[in-house]
Amino acid sequence: MFMILCVIDQPEHLNRILQAWRENGIAGVTILESTGLHRLSQQMPVPMRYAFGHASAERGNITLFTLVEQEGTIQHCLKITEGIVGDFNEPNTGIFVSWPVGFCKGVNSKHAPS
């Protein structure tokens, strides 16, 4: 089993990515709103940004986690995702990493990702 972590720099791609992953047998995705140190260091703090209905110009990332059974699924998932966001080696796309999982509990094999 392998963990995939994918940080999407452009949140507007999220629904297309999730649909494409689902259509290709990748399910059980955990989705987190996130930000990186580079983006955070370029922003001015906005005190009380939620007070008085003021909207902040703050824009974050989306981080996706999923487990896959087969190592080949990693490359397939990467290809699908880059088809939507562009080459991860280019700026403002995000990152895609994976690693082997040594232990996993709580994933039902009947519902485990491919």
C-alpha atoms as a PDB file:
ATOM      1  CA  MET A   1       0.000   0.000   0.000  1.00  0.00           C
ATOM      2  CA  PHE A   2       1.157   3.533  -0.793  1.00  0.00           C
ATOM      3  CA  MET A   3       0.220   6.995   0.420  1.00  0.00           C
ATOM      4  CA  ILE A   4      -0.192   9.780  -2.119  1.00  0.00           C
ATOM      5  CA  LEU A   5      -0.006  13.413  -1.017  1.00  0.00           C
ATOM      6  CA  CYS A   6      -0.946  16.004  -3.603  1.00  0.00           C
ATOM      7  CA  VAL A   7      -0.927  19.749  -2.958  1.00  0.00           C
ATOM      8  CA  ILE A   8      -2.933  21.704  -5.505  1.00  0.00           C
ATOM      9  CA  ASP A   9      -1.917  25.344  -5.868  1.00  0.00           C
ATOM     10  CA  GLN A  10      -5.102  26.274  -7.724  1.00  0.00           C
ATOM     11  CA  PRO A  11      -8.137  25.193  -5.678  1.00  0.00           C
ATOM     12  CA  GLU A  12     -10.464  25.699  -8.647  1.00  0.00           C
ATOM     13  CA  HIS A  13      -9.110  22.391 -10.050  1.00  0.00           C
ATOM     14  CA  LEU A  14     -10.278  20.362  -7.047  1.00  0.00           C
ATOM     15  CA  ASN A  15     -13.604  19.085  -8.406  1.00  0.00           C
ATOM     16  CA  ARG A  16     -12.103  18.023 -11.749  1.00  0.00           C
ATOM     17  CA  ILE A  17      -9.270  16.197  -9.984  1.00  0.00           C
ATOM     18  CA  LEU A  18     -11.606  14.391  -7.592  1.00  0.00           C
ATOM     19  CA  GLN A  19     -13.913  13.370 -10.430  1.00  0.00           C
ATOM     20  CA  ALA A  20     -11.003  12.102 -12.543  1.00  0.00           C
ATOM     21  CA  TRP A  21      -9.533  10.182  -9.590  1.00  0.00           C
ATOM     22  CA  ARG A  22     -12.933   8.634  -8.802  1.00  0.00           C
ATOM     23  CA  GLU A  23     -13.456   7.640 -12.449  1.00  0.00           C
ATOM     24  CA  ASN A  24     -10.082   5.889 -12.334  1.00  0.00           C
ATOM     25  CA  GLY A  25     -10.725   3.934  -9.145  1.00  0.00           C
ATOM     26  CA  ILE A  26      -9.015   6.271  -6.693  1.00  0.00           C
ATOM     27  CA  ALA A  27     -11.377   6.897  -3.781  1.00  0.00           C
ATOM     28  CA  GLY A  28     -11.314   7.654  -0.078  1.00  0.00           C
ATOM     29  CA  VAL A  29      -9.544  10.983  -0.506  1.00  0.00           C
ATOM     30  CA  THR A  30      -8.917  13.223   2.508  1.00  0.00           C
ATOM     31  CA  ILE A  31      -9.081  16.919   1.600  1.00  0.00           C
ATOM     32  CA  LEU A  32      -7.482  19.702   3.650  1.00  0.00           C
ATOM     33  CA  GLU A  33      -7.248  23.436   3.105  1.00  0.00           C
ATOM     34  CA  SER A  34      -3.590  24.350   3.504  1.00  0.00           C
ATOM     35  CA  THR A  35      -0.970  26.994   2.917  1.00  0.00           C
ATOM     36  CA  GLY A  36       2.785  26.913   2.472  1.00  0.00           C
ATOM     37  CA  LEU A  37       5.533  28.890   4.115  1.00  0.00           C
ATOM     38  CA  HIS A  38       6.340  30.783   0.895  1.00  0.00           C
ATOM     39  CA  ARG A  39       2.742  31.951   0.440  1.00  0.00           C
ATOM     40  CA  LEU A  40       2.385  32.768   4.130  1.00  0.00           C
ATOM     41  CA  SER A  41       5.572  34.851   4.171  1.00  0.00           C
ATOM     42  CA  GLN A  42       4.315  36.960   1.252  1.00  0.00           C
ATOM     43  CA  GLN A  43       1.052  37.920   2.937  1.00  0.00           C
ATOM     44  CA  MET A  44       0.438  40.777   5.277  1.00  0.00           C
ATOM     45  CA  PRO A  45      -1.448  39.702   8.380  1.00  0.00           C
ATOM     46  CA  VAL A  46      -5.050  40.847   8.322  1.00  0.00           C
ATOM     47  CA  PRO A  47      -6.154  41.450  11.908  1.00  0.00           C
ATOM     48  CA  MET A  48      -9.735  40.429  12.619  1.00  0.00           C
ATOM     49  CA  ARG A  49     -10.267  39.403   9.014  1.00  0.00           C
ATOM     50  CA  TYR A  50     -13.692  37.980   9.833  1.00  0.00           C
ATOM     51  CA  ALA A  51     -14.966  41.062  11.648  1.00  0.00           C
ATOM     52  CA  PHE A  52     -17.400  43.462  10.023  1.00  0.00           C
ATOM     53  CA  GLY A  53     -17.815  41.343   6.886  1.00  0.00           C
ATOM     54  CA  HIS A  54     -14.467  42.246   5.373  1.00  0.00           C
ATOM     55  CA  ALA A  55     -13.158  39.633   2.964  1.00  0.00           C
ATOM     56  CA  SER A  56      -9.519  38.727   2.944  1.00  0.00           C
ATOM     57  CA  ALA A  57      -7.570  38.314  -0.280  1.00  0.00           C
ATOM     58  CA  GLU A  58      -5.931  35.281   1.284  1.00  0.00           C
ATOM     59  CA  ARG A  59      -5.727  32.268  -1.039  1.00  0.00           C
ATOM     60  CA  GLY A  60      -4.567  28.854   0.047  1.00  0.00           C
ATOM     61  CA  ASN A  61      -3.863  25.429  -1.346  1.00  0.00           C
ATOM     62  CA  ILE A  62      -5.748  22.179  -1.238  1.00  0.00           C
ATOM     63  CA  THR A  63      -3.928  19.099   0.075  1.00  0.00           C
ATOM     64  CA  LEU A  64      -5.207  15.656  -0.918  1.00  0.00           C
ATOM     65  CA  PHE A  65      -4.260  12.361   0.762  1.00  0.00           C
ATOM     66  CA  THR A  66      -5.201   8.927  -0.512  1.00  0.00           C
ATOM     67  CA  LEU A  67      -4.063   5.324  -0.199  1.00  0.00           C
ATOM     68  CA  VAL A  68      -3.542   3.103  -3.224  1.00  0.00           C
ATOM     69  CA  GLU A  69      -2.746  -0.612  -3.327  1.00  0.00           C
ATOM     70  CA  GLN A  70      -0.565  -0.802  -6.429  1.00  0.00           C
ATOM     71  CA  GLU A  71       2.620   1.142  -7.086  1.00  0.00           C
ATOM     72  CA  GLY A  72       1.570   1.583 -10.727  1.00  0.00           C
ATOM     73  CA  THR A  73      -1.488   3.504  -9.572  1.00  0.00           C
ATOM     74  CA  ILE A  74       0.811   6.273  -8.332  1.00  0.00           C
ATOM     75  CA  GLN A  75       2.070   7.093 -11.837  1.00  0.00           C
ATOM     76  CA  HIS A  76      -1.456   6.800 -13.247  1.00  0.00           C
ATOM     77  CA  CYS A  77      -2.759   9.217 -10.608  1.00  0.00           C
ATOM     78  CA  LEU A  78       0.116  11.622 -11.356  1.00  0.00           C
ATOM     79  CA  LYS A  79      -0.652  11.540 -15.083  1.00  0.00           C
ATOM     80  CA  ILE A  80      -4.353  12.218 -14.470  1.00  0.00           C
ATOM     81  CA  THR A  81      -3.609  15.098 -12.104  1.00  0.00           C
ATOM     82  CA  GLU A  82      -0.986  16.742 -14.316  1.00  0.00           C
ATOM     83  CA  GLY A  83      -3.482  16.546 -17.182  1.00  0.00           C
ATOM     84  CA  ILE A  84      -5.593  18.963 -15.160  1.00  0.00           C
ATOM     85  CA  VAL A  85      -3.117  21.212 -13.298  1.00  0.00           C
ATOM     86  CA  GLY A  86      -0.118  21.012 -15.631  1.00  0.00           C
ATOM     87  CA  ASP A  87       3.404  19.707 -15.030  1.00  0.00           C
ATOM     88  CA  PHE A  88       4.237  19.773 -11.320  1.00  0.00           C
ATOM     89  CA  ASN A  89       7.765  20.887 -12.255  1.00  0.00           C
ATOM     90  CA  GLU A  90       6.251  24.191 -13.397  1.00  0.00           C
ATOM     91  CA  PRO A  91       5.571  26.989 -10.908  1.00  0.00           C
ATOM     92  CA  ASN A  92       2.133  27.510  -9.365  1.00  0.00           C
ATOM     93  CA  THR A  93       0.923  23.946  -9.910  1.00  0.00           C
ATOM     94  CA  GLY A  94       1.648  22.194  -6.607  1.00  0.00           C
ATOM     95  CA  ILE A  95       3.469  19.047  -5.527  1.00  0.00           C
ATOM     96  CA  PHE A  96       2.838  15.321  -5.812  1.00  0.00           C
ATOM     97  CA  VAL A  97       4.627  12.798  -3.589  1.00  0.00           C
ATOM     98  CA  SER A  98       4.131   9.201  -2.512  1.00  0.00           C
ATOM     99  CA  TRP A  99       5.676   6.733  -0.117  1.00  0.00           C
ATOM    100  CA  PRO A 100       5.154   3.131   0.979  1.00  0.00           C
ATOM    101  CA  VAL A 101       2.916   2.602   3.995  1.00  0.00           C
ATOM    102  CA  GLY A 102       4.370   0.191   6.546  1.00  0.00           C
ATOM    103  CA  PHE A 103       1.225  -0.135   8.603  1.00  0.00           C
ATOM    104  CA  CYS A 104      -2.403   0.777   8.089  1.00  0.00           C
ATOM    105  CA  LYS A 105      -5.452   0.160  10.240  1.00  0.00           C
ATOM    106  CA  GLY A 106      -8.966   1.348   9.611  1.00  0.00           C
ATOM    107  CA  VAL A 107      -9.043   0.893   5.857  1.00  0.00           C
ATOM    108  CA  ASN A 108     -11.662  -1.685   4.911  1.00  0.00           C
ATOM    109  CA  SER A 109     -10.202  -3.842   2.136  1.00  0.00           C
ATOM    110  CA  LYS A 110     -13.606  -3.953   0.421  1.00  0.00           C
ATOM    111  CA  HIS A 111     -13.531  -0.164   0.143  1.00  0.00           C
ATOM    112  CA  ALA A 112      -9.780   0.359  -0.166  1.00  0.00           C
ATOM    113  CA  PRO A 113      -8.550   2.389  -3.131  1.00  0.00           C
ATOM    114  CA  SER A 114      -7.059   0.564  -6.090  1.00  0.00           C
END
